[in-house]
PDBML (XML) file of the C-alpha atoms, coordinates in Angstrom:
<?xml version="1.0" encoding="UTF-8" ?>
<PDBx:datablock datablockName="MODEL"
   xmlns:PDBx="http://pdbml.pdb.org/schema/pdbx-v50.xsd"
   xmlns:xsi="http://www.w3.org/2001/XMLSchema-instance"
   xsi:schemaLocation="http://pdbml.pdb.org/schema/pdbx-v50.xsd pdbx-v50.xsd">
   <PDBx:atom_siteCategory>
      <PDBx:atom_site id="1">
         <PDBx:B_iso_or_equiv>0.00</PDBx:B_iso_or_equiv>
         <PDBx:Cartn_x>3.050</PDBx:Cartn_x>
         <PDBx:Cartn_y>-5.284</PDBx:Cartn_y>
         <PDBx:Cartn_z>16.532</PDBx:Cartn_z>
         <PDBx:auth_asym_id>A</PDBx:auth_asym_id>
         <PDBx:auth_atom_id>CA</PDBx:auth_atom_id>
         <PDBx:auth_comp_id>UNK</PDBx:auth_comp_id>
         <PDBx:auth_seq_id>1</PDBx:auth_seq_id>
         <PDBx:group_PDB>ATOM</PDBx:group_PDB>
         <PDBx:label_alt_id xsi:nil="true" />
         <PDBx:label_asym_id>A</PDBx:label_asym_id>
         <PDBx:label_atom_id>CA</PDBx:label_atom_id>
         <PDBx:label_comp_id>UNK</PDBx:label_comp_id>
         <PDBx:label_entity_id>1</PDBx:label_entity_id>
         <PDBx:label_seq_id>1</PDBx:label_seq_id>
         <PDBx:occupancy>1.00</PDBx:occupancy>
         <PDBx:pdbx_PDB_model_num>1</PDBx:pdbx_PDB_model_num>
         <PDBx:type_symbol>C</PDBx:type_symbol>
      </PDBx:atom_site>
      <PDBx:atom_site id="2">
         <PDBx:B_iso_or_equiv>0.00</PDBx:B_iso_or_equiv>
         <PDBx:Cartn_x>4.483</PDBx:Cartn_x>
         <PDBx:Cartn_y>-8.336</PDBx:Cartn_y>
         <PDBx:Cartn_z>14.810</PDBx:Cartn_z>
         <PDBx:auth_asym_id>A</PDBx:auth_asym_id>
         <PDBx:auth_atom_id>CA</PDBx:auth_atom_id>
         <PDBx:auth_comp_id>UNK</PDBx:auth_comp_id>
         <PDBx:auth_seq_id>2</PDBx:auth_seq_id>
         <PDBx:group_PDB>ATOM</PDBx:group_PDB>
         <PDBx:label_alt_id xsi:nil="true" />
         <PDBx:label_asym_id>A</PDBx:label_asym_id>
         <PDBx:label_atom_id>CA</PDBx:label_atom_id>
         <PDBx:label_comp_id>UNK</PDBx:label_comp_id>
         <PDBx:label_entity_id>1</PDBx:label_entity_id>
         <PDBx:label_seq_id>2</PDBx:label_seq_id>
         <PDBx:occupancy>1.00</PDBx:occupancy>
         <PDBx:pdbx_PDB_model_num>1</PDBx:pdbx_PDB_model_num>
         <PDBx:type_symbol>C</PDBx:type_symbol>
      </PDBx:atom_site>
      <PDBx:atom_site id="3">
         <PDBx:B_iso_or_equiv>0.00</PDBx:B_iso_or_equiv>
         <PDBx:Cartn_x>1.055</PDBx:Cartn_x>
         <PDBx:Cartn_y>-9.923</PDBx:Cartn_y>
         <PDBx:Cartn_z>14.284</PDBx:Cartn_z>
         <PDBx:auth_asym_id>A</PDBx:auth_asym_id>
         <PDBx:auth_atom_id>CA</PDBx:auth_atom_id>
         <PDBx:auth_comp_id>UNK</PDBx:auth_comp_id>
         <PDBx:auth_seq_id>3</PDBx:auth_seq_id>
         <PDBx:group_PDB>ATOM</PDBx:group_PDB>
         <PDBx:label_alt_id xsi:nil="true" />
         <PDBx:label_asym_id>A</PDBx:label_asym_id>
         <PDBx:label_atom_id>CA</PDBx:label_atom_id>
         <PDBx:label_comp_id>UNK</PDBx:label_comp_id>
         <PDBx:label_entity_id>1</PDBx:label_entity_id>
         <PDBx:label_seq_id>3</PDBx:label_seq_id>
         <PDBx:occupancy>1.00</PDBx:occupancy>
         <PDBx:pdbx_PDB_model_num>1</PDBx:pdbx_PDB_model_num>
         <PDBx:type_symbol>C</PDBx:type_symbol>
      </PDBx:atom_site>
      <PDBx:atom_site id="4">
         <PDBx:B_iso_or_equiv>0.00</PDBx:B_iso_or_equiv>
         <PDBx:Cartn_x>-2.144</PDBx:Cartn_x>
         <PDBx:Cartn_y>-8.651</PDBx:Cartn_y>
         <PDBx:Cartn_z>12.688</PDBx:Cartn_z>
         <PDBx:auth_asym_id>A</PDBx:auth_asym_id>
         <PDBx:auth_atom_id>CA</PDBx:auth_atom_id>
         <PDBx:auth_comp_id>UNK</PDBx:auth_comp_id>
         <PDBx:auth_seq_id>4</PDBx:auth_seq_id>
         <PDBx:group_PDB>ATOM</PDBx:group_PDB>
         <PDBx:label_alt_id xsi:nil="true" />
         <PDBx:label_asym_id>A</PDBx:label_asym_id>
         <PDBx:label_atom_id>CA</PDBx:label_atom_id>
         <PDBx:label_comp_id>UNK</PDBx:label_comp_id>
         <PDBx:label_entity_id>1</PDBx:label_entity_id>
         <PDBx:label_seq_id>4</PDBx:label_seq_id>
         <PDBx:occupancy>1.00</PDBx:occupancy>
         <PDBx:pdbx_PDB_model_num>1</PDBx:pdbx_PDB_model_num>
         <PDBx:type_symbol>C</PDBx:type_symbol>
      </PDBx:atom_site>
      <PDBx:atom_site id="5">
         <PDBx:B_iso_or_equiv>0.00</PDBx:B_iso_or_equiv>
         <PDBx:Cartn_x>-5.297</PDBx:Cartn_x>
         <PDBx:Cartn_y>-9.188</PDBx:Cartn_y>
         <PDBx:Cartn_z>14.722</PDBx:Cartn_z>
         <PDBx:auth_asym_id>A</PDBx:auth_asym_id>
         <PDBx:auth_atom_id>CA</PDBx:auth_atom_id>
         <PDBx:auth_comp_id>UNK</PDBx:auth_comp_id>
         <PDBx:auth_seq_id>5</PDBx:auth_seq_id>
         <PDBx:group_PDB>ATOM</PDBx:group_PDB>
         <PDBx:label_alt_id xsi:nil="true" />
         <PDBx:label_asym_id>A</PDBx:label_asym_id>
         <PDBx:label_atom_id>CA</PDBx:label_atom_id>
         <PDBx:label_comp_id>UNK</PDBx:label_comp_id>
         <PDBx:label_entity_id>1</PDBx:label_entity_id>
         <PDBx:label_seq_id>5</PDBx:label_seq_id>
         <PDBx:occupancy>1.00</PDBx:occupancy>
         <PDBx:pdbx_PDB_model_num>1</PDBx:pdbx_PDB_model_num>
         <PDBx:type_symbol>C</PDBx:type_symbol>
      </PDBx:atom_site>
      <PDBx:atom_site id="6">
         <PDBx:B_iso_or_equiv>0.00</PDBx:B_iso_or_equiv>
         <PDBx:Cartn_x>-8.865</PDBx:Cartn_x>
         <PDBx:Cartn_y>-9.439</PDBx:Cartn_y>
         <PDBx:Cartn_z>13.419</PDBx:Cartn_z>
         <PDBx:auth_asym_id>A</PDBx:auth_asym_id>
         <PDBx:auth_atom_id>CA</PDBx:auth_atom_id>
         <PDBx:auth_comp_id>UNK</PDBx:auth_comp_id>
         <PDBx:auth_seq_id>6</PDBx:auth_seq_id>
         <PDBx:group_PDB>ATOM</PDBx:group_PDB>
         <PDBx:label_alt_id xsi:nil="true" />
         <PDBx:label_asym_id>A</PDBx:label_asym_id>
         <PDBx:label_atom_id>CA</PDBx:label_atom_id>
         <PDBx:label_comp_id>UNK</PDBx:label_comp_id>
         <PDBx:label_entity_id>1</PDBx:label_entity_id>
         <PDBx:label_seq_id>6</PDBx:label_seq_id>
         <PDBx:occupancy>1.00</PDBx:occupancy>
         <PDBx:pdbx_PDB_model_num>1</PDBx:pdbx_PDB_model_num>
         <PDBx:type_symbol>C</PDBx:type_symbol>
      </PDBx:atom_site>
      <PDBx:atom_site id="7">
         <PDBx:B_iso_or_equiv>0.00</PDBx:B_iso_or_equiv>
         <PDBx:Cartn_x>-11.553</PDBx:Cartn_x>
         <PDBx:Cartn_y>-8.926</PDBx:Cartn_y>
         <PDBx:Cartn_z>16.063</PDBx:Cartn_z>
         <PDBx:auth_asym_id>A</PDBx:auth_asym_id>
         <PDBx:auth_atom_id>CA</PDBx:auth_atom_id>
         <PDBx:auth_comp_id>UNK</PDBx:auth_comp_id>
         <PDBx:auth_seq_id>7</PDBx:auth_seq_id>
         <PDBx:group_PDB>ATOM</PDBx:group_PDB>
         <PDBx:label_alt_id xsi:nil="true" />
         <PDBx:label_asym_id>A</PDBx:label_asym_id>
         <PDBx:label_atom_id>CA</PDBx:label_atom_id>
         <PDBx:label_comp_id>UNK</PDBx:label_comp_id>
         <PDBx:label_entity_id>1</PDBx:label_entity_id>
         <PDBx:label_seq_id>7</PDBx:label_seq_id>
         <PDBx:occupancy>1.00</PDBx:occupancy>
         <PDBx:pdbx_PDB_model_num>1</PDBx:pdbx_PDB_model_num>
         <PDBx:type_symbol>C</PDBx:type_symbol>
      </PDBx:atom_site>
      <PDBx:atom_site id="8">
         <PDBx:B_iso_or_equiv>0.00</PDBx:B_iso_or_equiv>
         <PDBx:Cartn_x>-15.273</PDBx:Cartn_x>
         <PDBx:Cartn_y>-8.247</PDBx:Cartn_y>
         <PDBx:Cartn_z>16.200</PDBx:Cartn_z>
         <PDBx:auth_asym_id>A</PDBx:auth_asym_id>
         <PDBx:auth_atom_id>CA</PDBx:auth_atom_id>
         <PDBx:auth_comp_id>UNK</PDBx:auth_comp_id>
         <PDBx:auth_seq_id>8</PDBx:auth_seq_id>
         <PDBx:group_PDB>ATOM</PDBx:group_PDB>
         <PDBx:label_alt_id xsi:nil="true" />
         <PDBx:label_asym_id>A</PDBx:label_asym_id>
         <PDBx:label_atom_id>CA</PDBx:label_atom_id>
         <PDBx:label_comp_id>UNK</PDBx:label_comp_id>
         <PDBx:label_entity_id>1</PDBx:label_entity_id>
         <PDBx:label_seq_id>8</PDBx:label_seq_id>
         <PDBx:occupancy>1.00</PDBx:occupancy>
         <PDBx:pdbx_PDB_model_num>1</PDBx:pdbx_PDB_model_num>
         <PDBx:type_symbol>C</PDBx:type_symbol>
      </PDBx:atom_site>
      <PDBx:atom_site id="9">
         <PDBx:B_iso_or_equiv>0.00</PDBx:B_iso_or_equiv>
         <PDBx:Cartn_x>-16.782</PDBx:Cartn_x>
         <PDBx:Cartn_y>-5.204</PDBx:Cartn_y>
         <PDBx:Cartn_z>17.925</PDBx:Cartn_z>
         <PDBx:auth_asym_id>A</PDBx:auth_asym_id>
         <PDBx:auth_atom_id>CA</PDBx:auth_atom_id>
         <PDBx:auth_comp_id>UNK</PDBx:auth_comp_id>
         <PDBx:auth_seq_id>9</PDBx:auth_seq_id>
         <PDBx:group_PDB>ATOM</PDBx:group_PDB>
         <PDBx:label_alt_id xsi:nil="true" />
         <PDBx:label_asym_id>A</PDBx:label_asym_id>
         <PDBx:label_atom_id>CA</PDBx:label_atom_id>
         <PDBx:label_comp_id>UNK</PDBx:label_comp_id>
         <PDBx:label_entity_id>1</PDBx:label_entity_id>
         <PDBx:label_seq_id>9</PDBx:label_seq_id>
         <PDBx:occupancy>1.00</PDBx:occupancy>
         <PDBx:pdbx_PDB_model_num>1</PDBx:pdbx_PDB_model_num>
         <PDBx:type_symbol>C</PDBx:type_symbol>
      </PDBx:atom_site>
      <PDBx:atom_site id="10">
         <PDBx:B_iso_or_equiv>0.00</PDBx:B_iso_or_equiv>
         <PDBx:Cartn_x>-19.972</PDBx:Cartn_x>
         <PDBx:Cartn_y>-3.096</PDBx:Cartn_y>
         <PDBx:Cartn_z>17.904</PDBx:Cartn_z>
         <PDBx:auth_asym_id>A</PDBx:auth_asym_id>
         <PDBx:auth_atom_id>CA</PDBx:auth_atom_id>
         <PDBx:auth_comp_id>UNK</PDBx:auth_comp_id>
         <PDBx:auth_seq_id>10</PDBx:auth_seq_id>
         <PDBx:group_PDB>ATOM</PDBx:group_PDB>
         <PDBx:label_alt_id xsi:nil="true" />
         <PDBx:label_asym_id>A</PDBx:label_asym_id>
         <PDBx:label_atom_id>CA</PDBx:label_atom_id>
         <PDBx:label_comp_id>UNK</PDBx:label_comp_id>
         <PDBx:label_entity_id>1</PDBx:label_entity_id>
         <PDBx:label_seq_id>10</PDBx:label_seq_id>
         <PDBx:occupancy>1.00</PDBx:occupancy>
         <PDBx:pdbx_PDB_model_num>1</PDBx:pdbx_PDB_model_num>
         <PDBx:type_symbol>C</PDBx:type_symbol>
      </PDBx:atom_site>
      <PDBx:atom_site id="11">
         <PDBx:B_iso_or_equiv>0.00</PDBx:B_iso_or_equiv>
         <PDBx:Cartn_x>-19.137</PDBx:Cartn_x>
         <PDBx:Cartn_y>-0.013</PDBx:Cartn_y>
         <PDBx:Cartn_z>15.854</PDBx:Cartn_z>
         <PDBx:auth_asym_id>A</PDBx:auth_asym_id>
         <PDBx:auth_atom_id>CA</PDBx:auth_atom_id>
         <PDBx:auth_comp_id>UNK</PDBx:auth_comp_id>
         <PDBx:auth_seq_id>11</PDBx:auth_seq_id>
         <PDBx:group_PDB>ATOM</PDBx:group_PDB>
         <PDBx:label_alt_id xsi:nil="true" />
         <PDBx:label_asym_id>A</PDBx:label_asym_id>
         <PDBx:label_atom_id>CA</PDBx:label_atom_id>
         <PDBx:label_comp_id>UNK</PDBx:label_comp_id>
         <PDBx:label_entity_id>1</PDBx:label_entity_id>
         <PDBx:label_seq_id>11</PDBx:label_seq_id>
         <PDBx:occupancy>1.00</PDBx:occupancy>
         <PDBx:pdbx_PDB_model_num>1</PDBx:pdbx_PDB_model_num>
         <PDBx:type_symbol>C</PDBx:type_symbol>
      </PDBx:atom_site>
      <PDBx:atom_site id="12">
         <PDBx:B_iso_or_equiv>0.00</PDBx:B_iso_or_equiv>
         <PDBx:Cartn_x>-21.026</PDBx:Cartn_x>
         <PDBx:Cartn_y>3.213</PDBx:Cartn_y>
         <PDBx:Cartn_z>16.491</PDBx:Cartn_z>
         <PDBx:auth_asym_id>A</PDBx:auth_asym_id>
         <PDBx:auth_atom_id>CA</PDBx:auth_atom_id>
         <PDBx:auth_comp_id>UNK</PDBx:auth_comp_id>
         <PDBx:auth_seq_id>12</PDBx:auth_seq_id>
         <PDBx:group_PDB>ATOM</PDBx:group_PDB>
         <PDBx:label_alt_id xsi:nil="true" />
         <PDBx:label_asym_id>A</PDBx:label_asym_id>
         <PDBx:label_atom_id>CA</PDBx:label_atom_id>
         <PDBx:label_comp_id>UNK</PDBx:label_comp_id>
         <PDBx:label_entity_id>1</PDBx:label_entity_id>
         <PDBx:label_seq_id>12</PDBx:label_seq_id>
         <PDBx:occupancy>1.00</PDBx:occupancy>
         <PDBx:pdbx_PDB_model_num>1</PDBx:pdbx_PDB_model_num>
         <PDBx:type_symbol>C</PDBx:type_symbol>
      </PDBx:atom_site>
      <PDBx:atom_site id="13">
         <PDBx:B_iso_or_equiv>0.00</PDBx:B_iso_or_equiv>
         <PDBx:Cartn_x>-21.125</PDBx:Cartn_x>
         <PDBx:Cartn_y>5.614</PDBx:Cartn_y>
         <PDBx:Cartn_z>13.547</PDBx:Cartn_z>
         <PDBx:auth_asym_id>A</PDBx:auth_asym_id>
         <PDBx:auth_atom_id>CA</PDBx:auth_atom_id>
         <PDBx:auth_comp_id>UNK</PDBx:auth_comp_id>
         <PDBx:auth_seq_id>13</PDBx:auth_seq_id>
         <PDBx:group_PDB>ATOM</PDBx:group_PDB>
         <PDBx:label_alt_id xsi:nil="true" />
         <PDBx:label_asym_id>A</PDBx:label_asym_id>
         <PDBx:label_atom_id>CA</PDBx:label_atom_id>
         <PDBx:label_comp_id>UNK</PDBx:label_comp_id>
         <PDBx:label_entity_id>1</PDBx:label_entity_id>
         <PDBx:label_seq_id>13</PDBx:label_seq_id>
         <PDBx:occupancy>1.00</PDBx:occupancy>
         <PDBx:pdbx_PDB_model_num>1</PDBx:pdbx_PDB_model_num>
         <PDBx:type_symbol>C</PDBx:type_symbol>
      </PDBx:atom_site>
      <PDBx:atom_site id="14">
         <PDBx:B_iso_or_equiv>0.00</PDBx:B_iso_or_equiv>
         <PDBx:Cartn_x>-23.399</PDBx:Cartn_x>
         <PDBx:Cartn_y>8.593</PDBx:Cartn_y>
         <PDBx:Cartn_z>14.056</PDBx:Cartn_z>
         <PDBx:auth_asym_id>A</PDBx:auth_asym_id>
         <PDBx:auth_atom_id>CA</PDBx:auth_atom_id>
         <PDBx:auth_comp_id>UNK</PDBx:auth_comp_id>
         <PDBx:auth_seq_id>14</PDBx:auth_seq_id>
         <PDBx:group_PDB>ATOM</PDBx:group_PDB>
         <PDBx:label_alt_id xsi:nil="true" />
         <PDBx:label_asym_id>A</PDBx:label_asym_id>
         <PDBx:label_atom_id>CA</PDBx:label_atom_id>
         <PDBx:label_comp_id>UNK</PDBx:label_comp_id>
         <PDBx:label_entity_id>1</PDBx:label_entity_id>
         <PDBx:label_seq_id>14</PDBx:label_seq_id>
         <PDBx:occupancy>1.00</PDBx:occupancy>
         <PDBx:pdbx_PDB_model_num>1</PDBx:pdbx_PDB_model_num>
         <PDBx:type_symbol>C</PDBx:type_symbol>
      </PDBx:atom_site>
      <PDBx:atom_site id="15">
         <PDBx:B_iso_or_equiv>0.00</PDBx:B_iso_or_equiv>
         <PDBx:Cartn_x>-26.709</PDBx:Cartn_x>
         <PDBx:Cartn_y>7.276</PDBx:Cartn_y>
         <PDBx:Cartn_z>15.271</PDBx:Cartn_z>
         <PDBx:auth_asym_id>A</PDBx:auth_asym_id>
         <PDBx:auth_atom_id>CA</PDBx:auth_atom_id>
         <PDBx:auth_comp_id>UNK</PDBx:auth_comp_id>
         <PDBx:auth_seq_id>15</PDBx:auth_seq_id>
         <PDBx:group_PDB>ATOM</PDBx:group_PDB>
         <PDBx:label_alt_id xsi:nil="true" />
         <PDBx:label_asym_id>A</PDBx:label_asym_id>
         <PDBx:label_atom_id>CA</PDBx:label_atom_id>
         <PDBx:label_comp_id>UNK</PDBx:label_comp_id>
         <PDBx:label_entity_id>1</PDBx:label_entity_id>
         <PDBx:label_seq_id>15</PDBx:label_seq_id>
         <PDBx:occupancy>1.00</PDBx:occupancy>
         <PDBx:pdbx_PDB_model_num>1</PDBx:pdbx_PDB_model_num>
         <PDBx:type_symbol>C</PDBx:type_symbol>
      </PDBx:atom_site>
      <PDBx:atom_site id="16">
         <PDBx:B_iso_or_equiv>0.00</PDBx:B_iso_or_equiv>
         <PDBx:Cartn_x>-26.186</PDBx:Cartn_x>
         <PDBx:Cartn_y>3.782</PDBx:Cartn_y>
         <PDBx:Cartn_z>13.840</PDBx:Cartn_z>
         <PDBx:auth_asym_id>A</PDBx:auth_asym_id>
         <PDBx:auth_atom_id>CA</PDBx:auth_atom_id>
         <PDBx:auth_comp_id>UNK</PDBx:auth_comp_id>
         <PDBx:auth_seq_id>16</PDBx:auth_seq_id>
         <PDBx:group_PDB>ATOM</PDBx:group_PDB>
         <PDBx:label_alt_id xsi:nil="true" />
         <PDBx:label_asym_id>A</PDBx:label_asym_id>
         <PDBx:label_atom_id>CA</PDBx:label_atom_id>
         <PDBx:label_comp_id>UNK</PDBx:label_comp_id>
         <PDBx:label_entity_id>1</PDBx:label_entity_id>
         <PDBx:label_seq_id>16</PDBx:label_seq_id>
         <PDBx:occupancy>1.00</PDBx:occupancy>
         <PDBx:pdbx_PDB_model_num>1</PDBx:pdbx_PDB_model_num>
         <PDBx:type_symbol>C</PDBx:type_symbol>
      </PDBx:atom_site>
      <PDBx:atom_site id="17">
         <PDBx:B_iso_or_equiv>0.00</PDBx:B_iso_or_equiv>
         <PDBx:Cartn_x>-24.648</PDBx:Cartn_x>
         <PDBx:Cartn_y>0.662</PDBx:Cartn_y>
         <PDBx:Cartn_z>15.297</PDBx:Cartn_z>
         <PDBx:auth_asym_id>A</PDBx:auth_asym_id>
         <PDBx:auth_atom_id>CA</PDBx:auth_atom_id>
         <PDBx:auth_comp_id>UNK</PDBx:auth_comp_id>
         <PDBx:auth_seq_id>17</PDBx:auth_seq_id>
         <PDBx:group_PDB>ATOM</PDBx:group_PDB>
         <PDBx:label_alt_id xsi:nil="true" />
         <PDBx:label_asym_id>A</PDBx:label_asym_id>
         <PDBx:label_atom_id>CA</PDBx:label_atom_id>
         <PDBx:label_comp_id>UNK</PDBx:label_comp_id>
         <PDBx:label_entity_id>1</PDBx:label_entity_id>
         <PDBx:label_seq_id>17</PDBx:label_seq_id>
         <PDBx:occupancy>1.00</PDBx:occupancy>
         <PDBx:pdbx_PDB_model_num>1</PDBx:pdbx_PDB_model_num>
         <PDBx:type_symbol>C</PDBx:type_symbol>
      </PDBx:atom_site>
      <PDBx:atom_site id="18">
         <PDBx:B_iso_or_equiv>0.00</PDBx:B_iso_or_equiv>
         <PDBx:Cartn_x>-22.909</PDBx:Cartn_x>
         <PDBx:Cartn_y>-1.980</PDBx:Cartn_y>
         <PDBx:Cartn_z>13.196</PDBx:Cartn_z>
         <PDBx:auth_asym_id>A</PDBx:auth_asym_id>
         <PDBx:auth_atom_id>CA</PDBx:auth_atom_id>
         <PDBx:auth_comp_id>UNK</PDBx:auth_comp_id>
         <PDBx:auth_seq_id>18</PDBx:auth_seq_id>
         <PDBx:group_PDB>ATOM</PDBx:group_PDB>
         <PDBx:label_alt_id xsi:nil="true" />
         <PDBx:label_asym_id>A</PDBx:label_asym_id>
         <PDBx:label_atom_id>CA</PDBx:label_atom_id>
         <PDBx:label_comp_id>UNK</PDBx:label_comp_id>
         <PDBx:label_entity_id>1</PDBx:label_entity_id>
         <PDBx:label_seq_id>18</PDBx:label_seq_id>
         <PDBx:occupancy>1.00</PDBx:occupancy>
         <PDBx:pdbx_PDB_model_num>1</PDBx:pdbx_PDB_model_num>
         <PDBx:type_symbol>C</PDBx:type_symbol>
      </PDBx:atom_site>
      <PDBx:atom_site id="19">
         <PDBx:B_iso_or_equiv>0.00</PDBx:B_iso_or_equiv>
         <PDBx:Cartn_x>-21.765</PDBx:Cartn_x>
         <PDBx:Cartn_y>-5.534</PDBx:Cartn_y>
         <PDBx:Cartn_z>13.873</PDBx:Cartn_z>
         <PDBx:auth_asym_id>A</PDBx:auth_asym_id>
         <PDBx:auth_atom_id>CA</PDBx:auth_atom_id>
         <PDBx:auth_comp_id>UNK</PDBx:auth_comp_id>
         <PDBx:auth_seq_id>19</PDBx:auth_seq_id>
         <PDBx:group_PDB>ATOM</PDBx:group_PDB>
         <PDBx:label_alt_id xsi:nil="true" />
         <PDBx:label_asym_id>A</PDBx:label_asym_id>
         <PDBx:label_atom_id>CA</PDBx:label_atom_id>
         <PDBx:label_comp_id>UNK</PDBx:label_comp_id>
         <PDBx:label_entity_id>1</PDBx:label_entity_id>
         <PDBx:label_seq_id>19</PDBx:label_seq_id>
         <PDBx:occupancy>1.00</PDBx:occupancy>
         <PDBx:pdbx_PDB_model_num>1</PDBx:pdbx_PDB_model_num>
         <PDBx:type_symbol>C</PDBx:type_symbol>
      </PDBx:atom_site>
      <PDBx:atom_site id="20">
         <PDBx:B_iso_or_equiv>0.00</PDBx:B_iso_or_equiv>
         <PDBx:Cartn_x>-18.215</PDBx:Cartn_x>
         <PDBx:Cartn_y>-4.955</PDBx:Cartn_y>
         <PDBx:Cartn_z>12.681</PDBx:Cartn_z>
         <PDBx:auth_asym_id>A</PDBx:auth_asym_id>
         <PDBx:auth_atom_id>CA</PDBx:auth_atom_id>
         <PDBx:auth_comp_id>UNK</PDBx:auth_comp_id>
         <PDBx:auth_seq_id>20</PDBx:auth_seq_id>
         <PDBx:group_PDB>ATOM</PDBx:group_PDB>
         <PDBx:label_alt_id xsi:nil="true" />
         <PDBx:label_asym_id>A</PDBx:label_asym_id>
         <PDBx:label_atom_id>CA</PDBx:label_atom_id>
         <PDBx:label_comp_id>UNK</PDBx:label_comp_id>
         <PDBx:label_entity_id>1</PDBx:label_entity_id>
         <PDBx:label_seq_id>20</PDBx:label_seq_id>
         <PDBx:occupancy>1.00</PDBx:occupancy>
         <PDBx:pdbx_PDB_model_num>1</PDBx:pdbx_PDB_model_num>
         <PDBx:type_symbol>C</PDBx:type_symbol>
      </PDBx:atom_site>
      <PDBx:atom_site id="21">
         <PDBx:B_iso_or_equiv>0.00</PDBx:B_iso_or_equiv>
         <PDBx:Cartn_x>-14.787</PDBx:Cartn_x>
         <PDBx:Cartn_y>-6.525</PDBx:Cartn_y>
         <PDBx:Cartn_z>12.347</PDBx:Cartn_z>
         <PDBx:auth_asym_id>A</PDBx:auth_asym_id>
         <PDBx:auth_atom_id>CA</PDBx:auth_atom_id>
         <PDBx:auth_comp_id>UNK</PDBx:auth_comp_id>
         <PDBx:auth_seq_id>21</PDBx:auth_seq_id>
         <PDBx:group_PDB>ATOM</PDBx:group_PDB>
         <PDBx:label_alt_id xsi:nil="true" />
         <PDBx:label_asym_id>A</PDBx:label_asym_id>
         <PDBx:label_atom_id>CA</PDBx:label_atom_id>
         <PDBx:label_comp_id>UNK</PDBx:label_comp_id>
         <PDBx:label_entity_id>1</PDBx:label_entity_id>
         <PDBx:label_seq_id>21</PDBx:label_seq_id>
         <PDBx:occupancy>1.00</PDBx:occupancy>
         <PDBx:pdbx_PDB_model_num>1</PDBx:pdbx_PDB_model_num>
         <PDBx:type_symbol>C</PDBx:type_symbol>
      </PDBx:atom_site>
      <PDBx:atom_site id="22">
         <PDBx:B_iso_or_equiv>0.00</PDBx:B_iso_or_equiv>
         <PDBx:Cartn_x>-11.548</PDBx:Cartn_x>
         <PDBx:Cartn_y>-4.575</PDBx:Cartn_y>
         <PDBx:Cartn_z>12.616</PDBx:Cartn_z>
         <PDBx:auth_asym_id>A</PDBx:auth_asym_id>
         <PDBx:auth_atom_id>CA</PDBx:auth_atom_id>
         <PDBx:auth_comp_id>UNK</PDBx:auth_comp_id>
         <PDBx:auth_seq_id>22</PDBx:auth_seq_id>
         <PDBx:group_PDB>ATOM</PDBx:group_PDB>
         <PDBx:label_alt_id xsi:nil="true" />
         <PDBx:label_asym_id>A</PDBx:label_asym_id>
         <PDBx:label_atom_id>CA</PDBx:label_atom_id>
         <PDBx:label_comp_id>UNK</PDBx:label_comp_id>
         <PDBx:label_entity_id>1</PDBx:label_entity_id>
         <PDBx:label_seq_id>22</PDBx:label_seq_id>
         <PDBx:occupancy>1.00</PDBx:occupancy>
         <PDBx:pdbx_PDB_model_num>1</PDBx:pdbx_PDB_model_num>
         <PDBx:type_symbol>C</PDBx:type_symbol>
      </PDBx:atom_site>
      <PDBx:atom_site id="23">
         <PDBx:B_iso_or_equiv>0.00</PDBx:B_iso_or_equiv>
         <PDBx:Cartn_x>-8.033</PDBx:Cartn_x>
         <PDBx:Cartn_y>-5.417</PDBx:Cartn_y>
         <PDBx:Cartn_z>11.453</PDBx:Cartn_z>
         <PDBx:auth_asym_id>A</PDBx:auth_asym_id>
         <PDBx:auth_atom_id>CA</PDBx:auth_atom_id>
         <PDBx:auth_comp_id>UNK</PDBx:auth_comp_id>
         <PDBx:auth_seq_id>23</PDBx:auth_seq_id>
         <PDBx:group_PDB>ATOM</PDBx:group_PDB>
         <PDBx:label_alt_id xsi:nil="true" />
         <PDBx:label_asym_id>A</PDBx:label_asym_id>
         <PDBx:label_atom_id>CA</PDBx:label_atom_id>
         <PDBx:label_comp_id>UNK</PDBx:label_comp_id>
         <PDBx:label_entity_id>1</PDBx:label_entity_id>
         <PDBx:label_seq_id>23</PDBx:label_seq_id>
         <PDBx:occupancy>1.00</PDBx:occupancy>
         <PDBx:pdbx_PDB_model_num>1</PDBx:pdbx_PDB_model_num>
         <PDBx:type_symbol>C</PDBx:type_symbol>
      </PDBx:atom_site>
      <PDBx:atom_site id="24">
         <PDBx:B_iso_or_equiv>0.00</PDBx:B_iso_or_equiv>
         <PDBx:Cartn_x>-5.431</PDBx:Cartn_x>
         <PDBx:Cartn_y>-4.146</PDBx:Cartn_y>
         <PDBx:Cartn_z>13.919</PDBx:Cartn_z>
         <PDBx:auth_asym_id>A</PDBx:auth_asym_id>
         <PDBx:auth_atom_id>CA</PDBx:auth_atom_id>
         <PDBx:auth_comp_id>UNK</PDBx:auth_comp_id>
         <PDBx:auth_seq_id>24</PDBx:auth_seq_id>
         <PDBx:group_PDB>ATOM</PDBx:group_PDB>
         <PDBx:label_alt_id xsi:nil="true" />
         <PDBx:label_asym_id>A</PDBx:label_asym_id>
         <PDBx:label_atom_id>CA</PDBx:label_atom_id>
         <PDBx:label_comp_id>UNK</PDBx:label_comp_id>
         <PDBx:label_entity_id>1</PDBx:label_entity_id>
         <PDBx:label_seq_id>24</PDBx:label_seq_id>
         <PDBx:occupancy>1.00</PDBx:occupancy>
         <PDBx:pdbx_PDB_model_num>1</PDBx:pdbx_PDB_model_num>
         <PDBx:type_symbol>C</PDBx:type_symbol>
      </PDBx:atom_site>
   </PDBx:atom_siteCategory>
</PDBx:datablock>
């Protein structure tokens, strides 16, 4: 929890897929 992490993942939203990045 002490560090923020930025990673890439394939995000499914409805019928669409995105090349996405998330900040955790």
